Amino acid sequence: MEYAKDILIGVKQGQVVSSRKEKKNKGLNSKGNGFKSFTSKIIKHKFITTVILAMLGFIVLDLVLITNFINILITI
C-alpha cells in the first residue's frame, strides 16, 4: 500500500520527484517541443489516429454524396 502511494505521489526514497503535471507542461514550455510532443503522441497512438482520420474521410465523402444527390433531385 505504501509503495503504491509513493508511486502515485511521486516520492522516490524520501525525495519528491517532479509530478505528472510538471512533466506534461515541461514539453510545452520551450519553443519547438510542443509540435514534437504532438507528433510523438500521434506516432504512439497509430490505431486511434487512423480510426479518426478514416472517420473524418467518410464524413466528408458522405457530405459530397448527399449534396450531389440533392442536386440531381433538384434538376429532375
N, C-alpha and C. Protein backbone atom coordinates (compact mmCIF):
# COMPACT_ATOMS: atom_id res chain seq x y z
N MET A 1 0.82 -1.19 0.00
CA MET A 1 0.00 0.00 0.00
C MET A 1 0.87 1.25 0.00
N GLU A 2 1.89 1.25 0.80
CA GLU A 2 2.79 2.40 0.86
C GLU A 2 3.51 2.59 -0.47
N TYR A 3 3.88 1.49 -1.09
CA TYR A 3 4.61 1.56 -2.36
C TYR A 3 3.72 2.17 -3.45
N ALA A 4 2.46 1.77 -3.49
CA ALA A 4 1.53 2.33 -4.48
C ALA A 4 1.32 3.81 -4.23
N LYS A 5 1.21 4.20 -2.98
CA LYS A 5 1.04 5.61 -2.65
C LYS A 5 2.26 6.41 -3.07
N ASP A 6 3.44 5.86 -2.83
CA ASP A 6 4.67 6.54 -3.22
C ASP A 6 4.76 6.73 -4.73
N ILE A 7 4.28 5.76 -5.49
CA ILE A 7 4.31 5.88 -6.95
C ILE A 7 3.33 6.97 -7.40
N LEU A 8 2.13 6.99 -6.81
CA LEU A 8 1.14 7.98 -7.20
C LEU A 8 1.56 9.39 -6.83
N ILE A 9 2.13 9.56 -5.66
CA ILE A 9 2.55 10.88 -5.21
C ILE A 9 3.82 11.31 -5.92
N GLY A 10 4.67 10.37 -6.26
CA GLY A 10 5.91 10.71 -6.94
C GLY A 10 7.09 10.76 -5.99
N VAL A 11 7.01 10.03 -4.90
CA VAL A 11 8.09 10.04 -3.92
C VAL A 11 9.08 8.94 -4.27
N LYS A 12 10.37 9.30 -4.23
CA LYS A 12 11.40 8.31 -4.51
C LYS A 12 12.44 8.40 -3.40
N GLN A 13 12.44 7.42 -2.53
CA GLN A 13 13.36 7.30 -1.40
C GLN A 13 13.40 8.57 -0.56
N GLY A 14 12.22 9.07 -0.21
CA GLY A 14 12.13 10.21 0.67
C GLY A 14 12.21 11.54 -0.04
N GLN A 15 12.46 11.57 -1.33
CA GLN A 15 12.54 12.83 -2.06
C GLN A 15 11.40 12.89 -3.07
N VAL A 16 10.83 14.06 -3.22
CA VAL A 16 9.73 14.23 -4.16
C VAL A 16 10.32 14.51 -5.53
N VAL A 17 9.92 13.67 -6.50
CA VAL A 17 10.34 13.91 -7.88
C VAL A 17 9.26 14.72 -8.59
N SER A 18 9.54 15.17 -9.79
CA SER A 18 8.58 16.04 -10.48
C SER A 18 7.28 15.30 -10.71
N SER A 19 6.19 16.03 -10.59
CA SER A 19 4.87 15.43 -10.73
C SER A 19 4.51 15.26 -12.20
N ARG A 20 3.39 14.61 -12.45
CA ARG A 20 2.94 14.37 -13.82
C ARG A 20 2.62 15.68 -14.54
N LYS A 21 2.03 16.63 -13.82
CA LYS A 21 1.69 17.91 -14.44
C LYS A 21 2.94 18.65 -14.88
N GLU A 22 3.98 18.60 -14.08
CA GLU A 22 5.23 19.25 -14.45
C GLU A 22 5.84 18.58 -15.66
N LYS A 23 5.74 17.27 -15.75
CA LYS A 23 6.28 16.56 -16.91
C LYS A 23 5.49 16.91 -18.17
N LYS A 24 4.16 17.04 -18.05
CA LYS A 24 3.35 17.40 -19.20
C LYS A 24 3.68 18.81 -19.68
N ASN A 25 3.76 19.74 -18.76
CA ASN A 25 4.00 21.14 -19.11
C ASN A 25 5.44 21.38 -19.54
N LYS A 26 6.34 20.51 -19.16
CA LYS A 26 7.74 20.70 -19.48
C LYS A 26 7.97 20.69 -20.98
N GLY A 27 7.26 19.84 -21.72
CA GLY A 27 7.43 19.76 -23.15
C GLY A 27 6.88 20.95 -23.89
N LEU A 28 5.91 21.65 -23.32
CA LEU A 28 5.29 22.77 -24.00
C LEU A 28 5.93 24.11 -23.65
N ASN A 29 6.82 24.14 -22.68
CA ASN A 29 7.42 25.40 -22.29
C ASN A 29 8.41 25.94 -23.31
N SER A 30 9.25 25.08 -23.84
CA SER A 30 10.21 25.56 -24.82
C SER A 30 9.53 25.71 -26.17
N LYS A 31 10.18 26.45 -27.06
CA LYS A 31 9.51 26.90 -28.28
C LYS A 31 9.12 25.76 -29.22
N GLY A 32 10.01 24.82 -29.53
CA GLY A 32 9.73 23.82 -30.54
C GLY A 32 9.24 22.49 -30.01
N ASN A 33 9.16 22.29 -28.72
CA ASN A 33 8.81 20.99 -28.18
C ASN A 33 7.33 20.67 -28.25
N GLY A 34 6.47 21.67 -28.40
CA GLY A 34 5.04 21.41 -28.46
C GLY A 34 4.68 20.56 -29.67
N PHE A 35 5.26 20.88 -30.82
CA PHE A 35 4.98 20.11 -32.04
C PHE A 35 5.57 18.72 -31.95
N LYS A 36 6.76 18.60 -31.36
CA LYS A 36 7.39 17.29 -31.21
C LYS A 36 6.56 16.41 -30.28
N SER A 37 6.02 17.01 -29.24
CA SER A 37 5.17 16.26 -28.32
C SER A 37 3.90 15.79 -29.02
N PHE A 38 3.33 16.67 -29.84
CA PHE A 38 2.12 16.32 -30.58
C PHE A 38 2.38 15.19 -31.56
N THR A 39 3.46 15.27 -32.31
CA THR A 39 3.76 14.22 -33.28
C THR A 39 4.13 12.91 -32.59
N SER A 40 4.79 12.98 -31.46
CA SER A 40 5.12 11.75 -30.75
C SER A 40 3.86 11.06 -30.23
N LYS A 41 2.85 11.83 -29.84
CA LYS A 41 1.58 11.23 -29.41
C LYS A 41 0.86 10.59 -30.58
N ILE A 42 0.93 11.22 -31.76
CA ILE A 42 0.31 10.63 -32.94
C ILE A 42 1.00 9.32 -33.29
N ILE A 43 2.31 9.29 -33.24
CA ILE A 43 3.06 8.07 -33.56
C ILE A 43 2.76 6.99 -32.52
N LYS A 44 2.62 7.39 -31.28
CA LYS A 44 2.37 6.42 -30.21
C LYS A 44 0.98 5.80 -30.34
N HIS A 45 0.00 6.57 -30.79
CA HIS A 45 -1.38 6.10 -30.89
C HIS A 45 -1.79 5.99 -32.35
N LYS A 46 -1.14 5.11 -33.08
CA LYS A 46 -1.38 4.98 -34.52
C LYS A 46 -2.79 4.51 -34.83
N PHE A 47 -3.29 3.55 -34.08
CA PHE A 47 -4.61 2.97 -34.37
C PHE A 47 -5.70 4.02 -34.18
N ILE A 48 -5.67 4.74 -33.08
CA ILE A 48 -6.69 5.75 -32.81
C ILE A 48 -6.63 6.85 -33.86
N THR A 49 -5.41 7.26 -34.24
CA THR A 49 -5.25 8.29 -35.26
C THR A 49 -5.81 7.81 -36.59
N THR A 50 -5.56 6.56 -36.95
CA THR A 50 -6.07 6.01 -38.21
C THR A 50 -7.59 5.97 -38.19
N VAL A 51 -8.17 5.56 -37.09
CA VAL A 51 -9.64 5.49 -36.98
C VAL A 51 -10.25 6.89 -37.11
N ILE A 52 -9.66 7.86 -36.46
CA ILE A 52 -10.20 9.23 -36.52
C ILE A 52 -10.09 9.79 -37.93
N LEU A 53 -8.95 9.58 -38.59
CA LEU A 53 -8.78 10.08 -39.96
C LEU A 53 -9.74 9.38 -40.93
N ALA A 54 -9.94 8.09 -40.75
CA ALA A 54 -10.88 7.37 -41.61
C ALA A 54 -12.30 7.89 -41.38
N MET A 55 -12.66 8.13 -40.13
CA MET A 55 -13.99 8.64 -39.82
C MET A 55 -14.21 10.01 -40.47
N LEU A 56 -13.23 10.89 -40.38
CA LEU A 56 -13.35 12.21 -40.99
C LEU A 56 -13.46 12.09 -42.51
N GLY A 57 -12.70 11.18 -43.10
CA GLY A 57 -12.77 10.96 -44.54
C GLY A 57 -14.14 10.48 -44.97
N PHE A 58 -14.72 9.55 -44.22
CA PHE A 58 -16.05 9.05 -44.54
C PHE A 58 -17.12 10.11 -44.36
N ILE A 59 -16.95 10.98 -43.38
CA ILE A 59 -17.91 12.06 -43.18
C ILE A 59 -17.89 13.01 -44.37
N VAL A 60 -16.70 13.36 -44.84
CA VAL A 60 -16.57 14.26 -46.00
C VAL A 60 -17.16 13.59 -47.24
N LEU A 61 -16.85 12.32 -47.45
CA LEU A 61 -17.40 11.59 -48.59
C LEU A 61 -18.92 11.54 -48.53
N ASP A 62 -19.47 11.32 -47.35
CA ASP A 62 -20.92 11.28 -47.17
C ASP A 62 -21.54 12.62 -47.52
N LEU A 63 -20.95 13.71 -47.07
CA LEU A 63 -21.47 15.03 -47.39
C LEU A 63 -21.45 15.31 -48.88
N VAL A 64 -20.37 14.91 -49.56
CA VAL A 64 -20.28 15.11 -51.00
C VAL A 64 -21.35 14.31 -51.72
N LEU A 65 -21.56 13.07 -51.33
CA LEU A 65 -22.58 12.24 -51.97
C LEU A 65 -23.99 12.78 -51.72
N ILE A 66 -24.25 13.26 -50.53
CA ILE A 66 -25.57 13.82 -50.22
C ILE A 66 -25.84 15.07 -51.05
N THR A 67 -24.85 15.97 -51.13
CA THR A 67 -25.06 17.20 -51.92
C THR A 67 -25.24 16.88 -53.39
N ASN A 68 -24.51 15.92 -53.92
CA ASN A 68 -24.70 15.53 -55.32
C ASN A 68 -26.09 14.93 -55.54
N PHE A 69 -26.56 14.13 -54.62
CA PHE A 69 -27.89 13.54 -54.73
C PHE A 69 -28.97 14.62 -54.69
N ILE A 70 -28.80 15.60 -53.82
CA ILE A 70 -29.77 16.69 -53.73
C ILE A 70 -29.76 17.50 -55.03
N ASN A 71 -28.58 17.74 -55.60
CA ASN A 71 -28.50 18.48 -56.86
C ASN A 71 -29.18 17.70 -57.99
N ILE A 72 -29.06 16.37 -58.00
CA ILE A 72 -29.74 15.57 -59.01
C ILE A 72 -31.24 15.65 -58.83
N LEU A 73 -31.72 15.63 -57.60
CA LEU A 73 -33.16 15.73 -57.35
C LEU A 73 -33.70 17.11 -57.75
N ILE A 74 -32.90 18.13 -57.59
CA ILE A 74 -33.35 19.48 -57.95
C ILE A 74 -33.52 19.60 -59.46
N THR A 75 -32.62 18.97 -60.22
CA THR A 75 -32.67 19.10 -61.68
C THR A 75 -33.82 18.29 -62.30
N ILE A 76 -34.35 17.33 -61.58
CA ILE A 76 -35.42 16.50 -62.15
C ILE A 76 -36.73 17.21 -62.17
